[in-house]
Amino acid sequence: HPTRAGCSFDSTTKTVLLAGQESYPIRVKYYQGPRYHIANILMWRKAGTTRDPACGQTGNNYFFNPDQGSVPLAPYLAMLSRGWKVIPAENYFLPISMLSTPQNFNPCGTAMTPVITNFGTDEVFPTQAIFRWQTDRPATSQVIIKNAAGLTIKLTTSDNVLRMDHSVTVTGLSFGTSYQAQAVSYSAEQSIGTSNTISFTTP
């Protein structure tokens, strides 16, 4: 269906008491389309006694204008004026296990994201290459290898050691072949940093 404001205000739903610094598990079944229209947005407001007039309203050009960078339109701005708030990206976490310690990972978080600098090839051999880089905080070390078309063909295994000076040897390459490489580092807070992509050719 087109963009639609779906509201949990009927006989089958209930209000939720939200408390600060507490986590609430959610599972979202979601399909995005058309490709360049606004994506799924989770909003909340204080519970009221009446249904909001925006609930159920639909139209790919009703709340946002996809032809102008999804700029908000009057109906969406009116929702904000009535107390609706968008839950920001830093409030979401994916439960994962990393570095042998279960943690919550926010793929959109940036506060603890490692900044990668000086990524490059140290030595290139016919079937392997050595890469080095630095991070501004302790983080793990991995390298993504892509073919000349930009398709990922290899992701090295992390030793799960946090460090600021990184060196990774990639094996199993073909001689006389062009590749692309990108460094990947996870911080202890599970924020992921990626480097610029570089190109290299094995001799």
Protein backbone atom coordinates (compact mmCIF):
# COMPACT_ATOMS: atom_id res chain seq x y z
CA HIS A 1 0.00 0.00 0.00
CA PRO A 2 1.12 3.63 -0.31
CA THR A 3 2.62 5.53 2.63
CA ARG A 4 0.12 5.30 5.47
CA ALA A 5 -0.08 6.42 9.08
CA GLY A 6 -0.86 3.28 11.02
CA CYS A 7 -1.98 3.97 14.59
CA SER A 8 -2.45 1.57 17.48
CA PHE A 9 -5.76 2.95 18.63
CA ASP A 10 -8.51 0.38 18.51
CA SER A 11 -10.08 -2.37 20.62
CA THR A 12 -7.20 -4.81 19.96
CA THR A 13 -4.38 -2.58 21.23
CA LYS A 14 -3.42 -1.00 24.52
CA THR A 15 -1.34 1.87 25.79
CA VAL A 16 2.19 1.25 27.00
CA LEU A 17 3.70 2.83 30.10
CA LEU A 18 7.16 4.07 29.12
CA ALA A 19 9.84 4.63 31.74
CA GLY A 20 13.20 6.30 31.27
CA GLN A 21 16.32 4.15 30.68
CA GLU A 22 14.26 0.99 30.09
CA SER A 23 14.32 -1.21 26.98
CA TYR A 24 11.24 -2.46 25.15
CA PRO A 25 11.54 -5.32 22.65
CA ILE A 26 9.85 -4.82 19.27
CA ARG A 27 9.68 -6.85 16.07
CA VAL A 28 8.83 -5.11 12.82
CA LYS A 29 7.59 -6.83 9.66
CA TYR A 30 8.32 -4.32 6.98
CA TYR A 31 8.52 -3.95 3.20
CA GLN A 32 10.02 -0.83 1.63
CA GLY A 33 8.73 0.48 -1.64
CA PRO A 34 8.82 2.49 -3.81
CA ARG A 35 12.61 2.49 -3.54
CA TYR A 36 13.21 6.22 -3.14
CA HIS A 37 10.26 7.12 -0.92
CA ILE A 38 10.42 7.76 2.80
CA ALA A 39 11.18 4.64 4.86
CA ASN A 40 9.40 3.26 7.91
CA ILE A 41 9.16 5.72 10.82
CA LEU A 42 8.26 4.78 14.39
CA MET A 43 6.51 7.62 16.22
CA TRP A 44 4.89 7.95 19.61
CA ARG A 45 2.76 10.40 21.57
CA LYS A 46 1.06 10.52 24.93
CA ALA A 47 -2.06 8.39 25.00
CA GLY A 48 -5.26 10.29 24.34
CA THR A 49 -8.96 9.56 24.30
CA THR A 50 -9.52 10.26 20.61
CA ARG A 51 -8.06 8.94 17.42
CA ASP A 52 -5.60 11.28 15.71
CA PRO A 53 -6.95 12.66 12.39
CA ALA A 54 -3.79 11.50 10.58
CA CYS A 55 -4.38 7.85 11.49
CA GLY A 56 -5.21 5.86 8.38
CA GLN A 57 -4.40 8.70 5.99
CA THR A 58 -2.55 7.41 2.96
CA GLY A 59 -0.68 8.57 -0.12
CA ASN A 60 2.91 8.48 -1.36
CA ASN A 61 2.82 12.27 -1.65
CA TYR A 62 0.66 12.97 1.39
CA PHE A 63 3.15 13.16 4.28
CA PHE A 64 6.40 13.66 2.33
CA ASN A 65 7.37 14.79 -1.15
CA PRO A 66 9.54 12.06 -2.75
CA ASP A 67 10.39 14.35 -5.67
CA GLN A 68 12.09 16.85 -3.34
CA GLY A 69 14.20 14.64 -1.09
CA SER A 70 11.22 13.45 0.99
CA VAL A 71 10.69 16.94 2.37
CA PRO A 72 7.99 16.89 5.10
CA LEU A 73 4.59 18.21 4.05
CA ALA A 74 1.83 19.89 6.04
CA PRO A 75 0.07 16.71 7.30
CA TYR A 76 3.31 15.37 8.80
CA LEU A 77 4.22 18.72 10.34
CA ALA A 78 0.73 18.89 11.81
CA MET A 79 1.31 15.53 13.51
CA LEU A 80 4.44 16.91 15.14
CA SER A 81 2.49 19.96 16.33
CA ARG A 82 -0.05 17.62 17.97
CA GLY A 83 2.64 15.97 20.08
CA TRP A 84 3.88 13.13 17.88
CA LYS A 85 7.61 12.47 18.19
CA VAL A 86 9.94 10.35 16.06
CA ILE A 87 11.98 7.88 18.10
CA PRO A 88 15.58 8.80 17.17
CA ALA A 89 18.11 6.35 15.74
CA GLU A 90 20.24 6.25 18.90
CA ASN A 91 17.34 4.68 20.81
CA TYR A 92 17.44 1.43 18.79
CA PHE A 93 19.60 -1.58 19.58
CA LEU A 94 20.02 -5.02 18.05
CA PRO A 95 20.74 -7.81 20.58
CA ILE A 96 23.90 -9.57 19.36
CA SER A 97 26.88 -11.39 20.79
CA MET A 98 30.30 -9.95 19.99
CA LEU A 99 33.73 -10.27 21.57
CA SER A 100 32.31 -13.21 23.59
CA THR A 101 30.16 -10.74 25.56
CA PRO A 102 26.45 -10.31 24.71
CA GLN A 103 25.77 -6.64 24.09
CA ASN A 104 23.28 -4.34 22.44
CA PHE A 105 24.49 -3.04 19.08
CA ASN A 106 23.18 0.16 17.52
CA PRO A 107 24.14 0.10 13.81
CA CYS A 108 23.13 3.76 13.50
CA GLY A 109 25.06 4.97 16.53
CA THR A 110 28.02 7.25 15.96
CA ALA A 111 29.22 8.31 19.42
CA MET A 112 31.66 5.41 19.79
CA THR A 113 32.34 4.75 16.11
CA PRO A 114 36.04 4.07 15.44
CA VAL A 115 37.60 6.54 13.01
CA ILE A 116 39.90 4.70 10.58
CA THR A 117 42.92 6.52 9.16
CA ASN A 118 45.92 5.64 6.98
CA PHE A 119 44.35 2.53 5.50
CA GLY A 120 46.54 1.07 2.77
CA THR A 121 48.51 -1.90 1.51
CA ASP A 122 51.76 -2.65 3.31
CA GLU A 123 52.90 -5.37 0.90
CA VAL A 124 51.21 -7.09 -2.04
CA PHE A 125 52.23 -10.57 -3.18
CA PRO A 126 50.88 -12.78 -6.01
CA THR A 127 48.34 -14.54 -3.75
CA GLN A 128 48.16 -12.40 -0.62
CA ALA A 129 48.32 -8.83 0.65
CA ILE A 130 49.03 -7.13 3.98
CA PHE A 131 46.94 -4.14 5.05
CA ARG A 132 47.59 -1.64 7.83
CA TRP A 133 45.57 1.17 9.42
CA GLN A 134 44.97 3.03 12.67
CA THR A 135 41.85 3.78 14.71
CA ASP A 136 41.26 6.55 17.24
CA ARG A 137 39.99 4.05 19.83
CA PRO A 138 40.64 0.34 20.48
CA ALA A 139 38.77 -1.75 17.90
CA THR A 140 38.84 -5.04 16.04
CA SER A 141 40.49 -5.69 12.66
CA GLN A 142 38.90 -7.04 9.48
CA VAL A 143 39.27 -6.43 5.76
CA ILE A 144 36.63 -6.71 3.05
CA ILE A 145 37.94 -7.75 -0.38
CA LYS A 146 35.90 -7.01 -3.48
CA ASN A 147 36.47 -7.84 -7.12
CA ALA A 148 36.96 -5.18 -9.77
CA ALA A 149 33.17 -4.93 -10.16
CA GLY A 150 32.77 -4.04 -6.47
CA LEU A 151 31.23 -7.35 -5.39
CA THR A 152 32.37 -8.70 -2.02
CA ILE A 153 34.28 -11.97 -2.35
CA LYS A 154 36.01 -12.20 1.03
CA LEU A 155 35.68 -10.93 4.61
CA THR A 156 38.58 -11.81 6.88
CA THR A 157 37.92 -13.32 10.30
CA SER A 158 38.48 -11.08 13.31
CA ASP A 159 40.66 -12.24 16.19
CA ASN A 160 38.42 -10.11 18.45
CA VAL A 161 41.40 -8.25 19.90
CA LEU A 162 40.89 -4.52 20.48
CA ARG A 163 43.82 -2.43 19.21
CA MET A 164 44.57 0.95 17.64
CA ASP A 165 47.30 -0.19 15.23
CA HIS A 166 45.95 -2.78 12.82
CA SER A 167 47.56 -5.26 10.44
CA VAL A 168 45.66 -7.93 8.51
CA THR A 169 47.02 -10.42 5.99
CA VAL A 170 44.57 -11.49 3.29
CA THR A 171 45.34 -14.80 1.60
CA GLY A 172 43.75 -16.77 -1.24
CA LEU A 173 44.08 -14.04 -3.85
CA SER A 174 44.79 -14.66 -7.54
CA PHE A 175 47.94 -13.35 -9.16
CA GLY A 176 47.65 -10.58 -11.73
CA THR A 177 44.16 -9.64 -10.51
CA SER A 178 42.66 -6.27 -9.58
CA TYR A 179 40.81 -5.96 -6.28
CA GLN A 180 39.23 -3.41 -3.97
CA ALA A 181 39.74 -3.41 -0.20
CA GLN A 182 38.07 -1.76 2.79
CA ALA A 183 38.95 -1.91 6.49
CA VAL A 184 36.30 -2.69 9.12
CA SER A 185 36.73 -2.12 12.86
CA TYR A 186 34.26 -2.66 15.73
CA SER A 187 34.70 -0.76 18.99
CA ALA A 188 34.00 -2.28 22.40
CA GLU A 189 30.62 -0.52 22.28
CA GLN A 190 29.84 -2.44 19.05
CA SER A 191 29.89 0.65 16.83
CA ILE A 192 31.33 -0.13 13.42
CA GLY A 193 33.84 2.00 11.54
CA THR A 194 34.70 1.54 7.88
CA SER A 195 37.52 3.02 5.82
CA ASN A 196 37.62 4.41 2.33
CA THR A 197 37.89 1.80 -0.42
CA ILE A 198 41.26 1.37 -2.09
CA SER A 199 42.23 -0.52 -5.24
CA PHE A 200 45.24 -2.79 -5.70
CA THR A 201 46.50 -5.42 -8.14
CA THR A 202 48.43 -8.56 -7.31
CA PRO A 203 51.67 -9.03 -9.30
